[in-house]
Amino acid sequence: MHKLVVLYSEPADPDHFRDYYVTNHLPLVKNWPGPLAWRYSFDVAALEGETPYFAVFEADFADAAAMDAALTSPHGQQLAADVANYATGGVVIIHYPVQDGTG
C-alpha cells in the first residue's frame, strides 16, 4: 500500500476553508478514481505544544504507480488546482509506502 498525506497550515479564513472543503472539494475527492480509501480531519492536535497544521487529508493507494496515475489524471489535476481556492495557509504533501507493523 502507498499513502498520500496532505497537511494544511492555518488558513487566513478557517470558516471559509471548512465550508469550501466540505461543500466543494470533498465532492471532487469522492469521484476521484484511484484511492482505495481516504479520510480527513479538522481536529489536528500535537502531543506537546501547538500543532503547525489546521487540517489533514490522507488517501491509500494500491502502490506508488496507482497514486501517480491518480494524481496525473485529469481528475487529479482538477483536485490539485482546486486547493488554491481554500488553502490560503499553504500545504505540505508527502507520500510513502506503508509497511505492516505486526509482530
N, C-alpha and C. Protein backbone atom coordinates (compact mmCIF):
# COMPACT_ATOMS: atom_id res chain seq x y z
N MET A 1 0.84 -1.18 0.00
CA MET A 1 0.00 0.00 0.00
C MET A 1 0.88 1.24 0.00
N HIS A 2 0.36 2.31 -0.55
CA HIS A 2 1.06 3.58 -0.62
C HIS A 2 0.12 4.66 -0.10
N LYS A 3 0.63 5.54 0.75
CA LYS A 3 -0.20 6.57 1.38
C LYS A 3 0.22 7.96 0.90
N LEU A 4 -0.80 8.79 0.66
CA LEU A 4 -0.63 10.20 0.33
C LEU A 4 -1.19 10.99 1.51
N VAL A 5 -0.43 11.95 2.02
CA VAL A 5 -0.87 12.78 3.14
C VAL A 5 -0.74 14.25 2.74
N VAL A 6 -1.81 15.01 2.96
CA VAL A 6 -1.80 16.45 2.71
C VAL A 6 -2.00 17.14 4.07
N LEU A 7 -1.03 17.95 4.45
CA LEU A 7 -1.07 18.69 5.72
C LEU A 7 -1.33 20.15 5.41
N TYR A 8 -2.42 20.68 5.93
CA TYR A 8 -2.81 22.06 5.66
C TYR A 8 -2.44 22.95 6.83
N SER A 9 -1.72 24.03 6.55
CA SER A 9 -1.40 25.02 7.57
C SER A 9 -2.62 25.90 7.82
N GLU A 10 -2.58 26.65 8.91
CA GLU A 10 -3.70 27.52 9.30
C GLU A 10 -4.04 28.49 8.15
N PRO A 11 -5.28 28.47 7.67
CA PRO A 11 -5.68 29.37 6.59
C PRO A 11 -6.02 30.76 7.11
N ALA A 12 -6.09 31.71 6.20
CA ALA A 12 -6.46 33.08 6.57
C ALA A 12 -7.89 33.12 7.11
N ASP A 13 -8.77 32.30 6.58
CA ASP A 13 -10.17 32.26 7.00
C ASP A 13 -10.58 30.81 7.26
N PRO A 14 -10.45 30.34 8.50
CA PRO A 14 -10.77 28.95 8.81
C PRO A 14 -12.21 28.54 8.47
N ASP A 15 -13.16 29.45 8.66
CA ASP A 15 -14.54 29.11 8.33
C ASP A 15 -14.73 28.87 6.84
N HIS A 16 -14.11 29.73 6.03
CA HIS A 16 -14.17 29.54 4.57
C HIS A 16 -13.53 28.22 4.19
N PHE A 17 -12.37 27.91 4.78
CA PHE A 17 -11.68 26.65 4.49
C PHE A 17 -12.62 25.47 4.73
N ARG A 18 -13.18 25.39 5.94
CA ARG A 18 -14.05 24.26 6.29
C ARG A 18 -15.25 24.16 5.35
N ASP A 19 -15.91 25.29 5.11
CA ASP A 19 -17.09 25.29 4.26
C ASP A 19 -16.75 24.88 2.83
N TYR A 20 -15.72 25.48 2.26
CA TYR A 20 -15.35 25.18 0.88
C TYR A 20 -14.89 23.73 0.75
N TYR A 21 -14.10 23.29 1.71
CA TYR A 21 -13.55 21.93 1.68
C TYR A 21 -14.67 20.90 1.66
N VAL A 22 -15.63 21.05 2.56
CA VAL A 22 -16.73 20.08 2.68
C VAL A 22 -17.71 20.21 1.51
N THR A 23 -18.02 21.43 1.11
CA THR A 23 -19.04 21.67 0.10
C THR A 23 -18.55 21.48 -1.33
N ASN A 24 -17.28 21.83 -1.58
CA ASN A 24 -16.77 21.81 -2.96
C ASN A 24 -15.65 20.80 -3.20
N HIS A 25 -14.67 20.76 -2.30
CA HIS A 25 -13.50 19.91 -2.57
C HIS A 25 -13.80 18.43 -2.34
N LEU A 26 -14.43 18.09 -1.22
CA LEU A 26 -14.70 16.68 -0.95
C LEU A 26 -15.59 16.01 -1.99
N PRO A 27 -16.57 16.69 -2.58
CA PRO A 27 -17.31 16.05 -3.67
C PRO A 27 -16.41 15.67 -4.85
N LEU A 28 -15.37 16.46 -5.09
CA LEU A 28 -14.40 16.09 -6.13
C LEU A 28 -13.61 14.84 -5.72
N VAL A 29 -13.23 14.80 -4.45
CA VAL A 29 -12.48 13.64 -3.94
C VAL A 29 -13.32 12.38 -4.06
N LYS A 30 -14.61 12.48 -3.74
CA LYS A 30 -15.49 11.31 -3.78
C LYS A 30 -15.54 10.67 -5.16
N ASN A 31 -15.36 11.45 -6.21
CA ASN A 31 -15.40 10.93 -7.58
C ASN A 31 -14.03 10.68 -8.18
N TRP A 32 -12.98 10.74 -7.36
CA TRP A 32 -11.60 10.58 -7.83
C TRP A 32 -11.28 9.10 -8.00
N PRO A 33 -11.05 8.64 -9.21
CA PRO A 33 -10.69 7.24 -9.39
C PRO A 33 -9.26 6.98 -8.91
N GLY A 34 -9.08 5.91 -8.18
CA GLY A 34 -7.73 5.54 -7.76
C GLY A 34 -7.57 5.22 -6.29
N PRO A 35 -7.99 6.10 -5.37
CA PRO A 35 -7.78 5.79 -3.96
C PRO A 35 -8.61 4.57 -3.52
N LEU A 36 -7.99 3.72 -2.69
CA LEU A 36 -8.70 2.60 -2.09
C LEU A 36 -9.56 3.08 -0.93
N ALA A 37 -9.06 4.11 -0.25
CA ALA A 37 -9.77 4.73 0.87
C ALA A 37 -9.19 6.11 1.08
N TRP A 38 -9.96 6.99 1.71
CA TRP A 38 -9.45 8.32 2.06
C TRP A 38 -10.18 8.81 3.30
N ARG A 39 -9.55 9.77 3.99
CA ARG A 39 -10.12 10.34 5.22
C ARG A 39 -9.52 11.72 5.45
N TYR A 40 -10.18 12.49 6.30
CA TYR A 40 -9.69 13.84 6.60
C TYR A 40 -10.09 14.22 8.02
N SER A 41 -9.47 15.29 8.53
CA SER A 41 -9.84 15.81 9.85
C SER A 41 -9.48 17.28 9.95
N PHE A 42 -10.34 18.01 10.65
CA PHE A 42 -10.04 19.39 11.01
C PHE A 42 -9.56 19.47 12.46
N ASP A 43 -9.51 18.36 13.15
CA ASP A 43 -9.15 18.31 14.57
C ASP A 43 -7.73 17.80 14.76
N VAL A 44 -6.77 18.48 14.17
CA VAL A 44 -5.37 18.09 14.25
C VAL A 44 -4.77 18.65 15.54
N ALA A 45 -4.14 17.79 16.32
CA ALA A 45 -3.55 18.22 17.59
C ALA A 45 -2.13 17.67 17.71
N ALA A 46 -1.29 18.38 18.44
CA ALA A 46 0.07 17.93 18.73
C ALA A 46 0.09 17.31 20.12
N LEU A 47 0.98 16.36 20.33
CA LEU A 47 1.12 15.77 21.67
C LEU A 47 1.64 16.79 22.66
N GLU A 48 2.51 17.68 22.17
CA GLU A 48 3.06 18.75 23.01
C GLU A 48 3.05 20.05 22.21
N GLY A 49 2.70 21.13 22.85
CA GLY A 49 2.70 22.43 22.18
C GLY A 49 1.58 22.55 21.16
N GLU A 50 1.72 23.55 20.30
CA GLU A 50 0.70 23.80 19.29
C GLU A 50 1.05 23.08 17.99
N THR A 51 0.03 22.60 17.32
CA THR A 51 0.25 21.92 16.05
C THR A 51 0.51 22.95 14.94
N PRO A 52 1.38 22.63 14.01
CA PRO A 52 1.59 23.52 12.87
C PRO A 52 0.53 23.33 11.78
N TYR A 53 -0.41 22.41 12.00
CA TYR A 53 -1.38 22.10 10.95
C TYR A 53 -2.81 22.31 11.40
N PHE A 54 -3.62 22.77 10.48
CA PHE A 54 -5.04 23.05 10.70
C PHE A 54 -5.90 21.83 10.34
N ALA A 55 -5.52 21.15 9.26
CA ALA A 55 -6.29 20.01 8.77
C ALA A 55 -5.35 19.01 8.12
N VAL A 56 -5.86 17.78 7.96
CA VAL A 56 -5.08 16.73 7.32
C VAL A 56 -6.00 15.90 6.42
N PHE A 57 -5.44 15.44 5.31
CA PHE A 57 -6.13 14.53 4.40
C PHE A 57 -5.18 13.38 4.11
N GLU A 58 -5.70 12.17 4.06
CA GLU A 58 -4.87 11.04 3.67
C GLU A 58 -5.64 10.12 2.75
N ALA A 59 -4.93 9.54 1.81
CA ALA A 59 -5.53 8.60 0.86
C ALA A 59 -4.62 7.40 0.73
N ASP A 60 -5.23 6.22 0.61
CA ASP A 60 -4.50 4.97 0.43
C ASP A 60 -4.62 4.52 -1.01
N PHE A 61 -3.50 4.10 -1.57
CA PHE A 61 -3.45 3.58 -2.94
C PHE A 61 -2.82 2.19 -2.93
N ALA A 62 -3.07 1.41 -3.95
CA ALA A 62 -2.51 0.06 -4.03
C ALA A 62 -0.99 0.10 -4.03
N ASP A 63 -0.42 1.07 -4.74
CA ASP A 63 1.04 1.21 -4.81
C ASP A 63 1.36 2.61 -5.35
N ALA A 64 2.65 2.91 -5.46
CA ALA A 64 3.08 4.23 -5.92
C ALA A 64 2.61 4.52 -7.34
N ALA A 65 2.61 3.50 -8.19
CA ALA A 65 2.17 3.69 -9.58
C ALA A 65 0.69 4.08 -9.63
N ALA A 66 -0.13 3.46 -8.79
CA ALA A 66 -1.55 3.81 -8.75
C ALA A 66 -1.75 5.24 -8.26
N MET A 67 -0.94 5.65 -7.27
CA MET A 67 -1.03 7.03 -6.79
C MET A 67 -0.62 8.01 -7.89
N ASP A 68 0.49 7.72 -8.56
CA ASP A 68 0.95 8.60 -9.65
C ASP A 68 -0.10 8.72 -10.74
N ALA A 69 -0.73 7.60 -11.10
CA ALA A 69 -1.76 7.63 -12.14
C ALA A 69 -2.95 8.49 -11.69
N ALA A 70 -3.34 8.36 -10.43
CA ALA A 70 -4.47 9.15 -9.92
C ALA A 70 -4.12 10.64 -9.89
N LEU A 71 -2.91 10.97 -9.46
CA LEU A 71 -2.51 12.37 -9.36
C LEU A 71 -2.37 13.04 -10.72
N THR A 72 -1.91 12.31 -11.71
CA THR A 72 -1.67 12.90 -13.03
C THR A 72 -2.89 12.81 -13.95
N SER A 73 -3.94 12.13 -13.49
CA SER A 73 -5.17 12.05 -14.28
C SER A 73 -5.81 13.44 -14.37
N PRO A 74 -6.68 13.66 -15.33
CA PRO A 74 -7.38 14.94 -15.39
C PRO A 74 -8.11 15.27 -14.08
N HIS A 75 -8.71 14.26 -13.45
CA HIS A 75 -9.41 14.49 -12.19
C HIS A 75 -8.43 14.87 -11.08
N GLY A 76 -7.28 14.21 -11.05
CA GLY A 76 -6.25 14.54 -10.06
C GLY A 76 -5.72 15.95 -10.26
N GLN A 77 -5.57 16.37 -11.50
CA GLN A 77 -5.12 17.73 -11.79
C GLN A 77 -6.17 18.75 -11.39
N GLN A 78 -7.45 18.41 -11.56
CA GLN A 78 -8.53 19.30 -11.13
C GLN A 78 -8.52 19.45 -9.61
N LEU A 79 -8.30 18.35 -8.89
CA LEU A 79 -8.21 18.41 -7.43
C LEU A 79 -7.05 19.31 -7.00
N ALA A 80 -5.90 19.12 -7.62
CA ALA A 80 -4.73 19.92 -7.26
C ALA A 80 -4.97 21.41 -7.52
N ALA A 81 -5.60 21.74 -8.62
CA ALA A 81 -5.87 23.14 -8.95
C ALA A 81 -6.87 23.76 -7.99
N ASP A 82 -7.76 22.95 -7.43
CA ASP A 82 -8.80 23.45 -6.53
C ASP A 82 -8.24 23.87 -5.17
N VAL A 83 -7.10 23.35 -4.80
CA VAL A 83 -6.51 23.63 -3.48
C VAL A 83 -6.34 25.14 -3.25
N ALA A 84 -5.99 25.87 -4.28
CA ALA A 84 -5.80 27.33 -4.14
C ALA A 84 -7.08 28.06 -3.73
N ASN A 85 -8.22 27.44 -3.89
CA ASN A 85 -9.49 28.08 -3.56
C ASN A 85 -9.80 28.09 -2.06
N TYR A 86 -9.06 27.35 -1.27
CA TYR A 86 -9.35 27.31 0.17
C TYR A 86 -8.11 27.25 1.06
N ALA A 87 -6.99 26.74 0.57
CA ALA A 87 -5.80 26.51 1.41
C ALA A 87 -4.86 27.71 1.37
N THR A 88 -5.30 28.84 1.91
CA THR A 88 -4.50 30.06 1.87
C THR A 88 -3.28 30.01 2.78
N GLY A 89 -3.23 29.06 3.70
CA GLY A 89 -2.07 28.93 4.60
C GLY A 89 -0.97 28.06 4.03
N GLY A 90 -1.24 27.42 2.92
CA GLY A 90 -0.25 26.54 2.30
C GLY A 90 -0.47 25.09 2.67
N VAL A 91 0.21 24.21 1.95
CA VAL A 91 0.09 22.78 2.18
C VAL A 91 1.46 22.12 2.11
N VAL A 92 1.57 21.01 2.81
CA VAL A 92 2.72 20.11 2.69
C VAL A 92 2.14 18.78 2.24
N ILE A 93 2.68 18.23 1.16
CA ILE A 93 2.19 16.95 0.65
C ILE A 93 3.32 15.94 0.72
N ILE A 94 3.05 14.82 1.39
CA ILE A 94 4.04 13.75 1.50
C ILE A 94 3.39 12.45 1.05
N HIS A 95 4.22 11.49 0.69
CA HIS A 95 3.72 10.16 0.35
C HIS A 95 4.80 9.15 0.68
N TYR A 96 4.37 7.90 0.90
CA TYR A 96 5.32 6.87 1.31
C TYR A 96 4.67 5.49 1.20
N PRO A 97 5.52 4.48 1.01
CA PRO A 97 4.99 3.12 1.07
C PRO A 97 4.73 2.75 2.52
N VAL A 98 3.65 2.03 2.76
CA VAL A 98 3.27 1.65 4.12
C VAL A 98 3.79 0.25 4.41
N GLN A 99 4.48 0.12 5.53
CA GLN A 99 4.99 -1.18 5.99
C GLN A 99 4.10 -1.68 7.11
N ASP A 100 3.76 -2.94 7.10
CA ASP A 100 2.98 -3.51 8.20
C ASP A 100 3.83 -3.56 9.44
N GLY A 101 3.19 -3.28 10.59
CA GLY A 101 3.91 -3.25 11.84
C GLY A 101 3.44 -4.32 12.81
N THR A 102 3.06 -5.45 12.29
CA THR A 102 2.60 -6.52 13.18
C THR A 102 3.79 -7.31 13.69
N GLY A 103 3.58 -7.97 14.79
CA GLY A 103 4.68 -8.81 15.27
C GLY A 103 4.73 -8.86 16.68
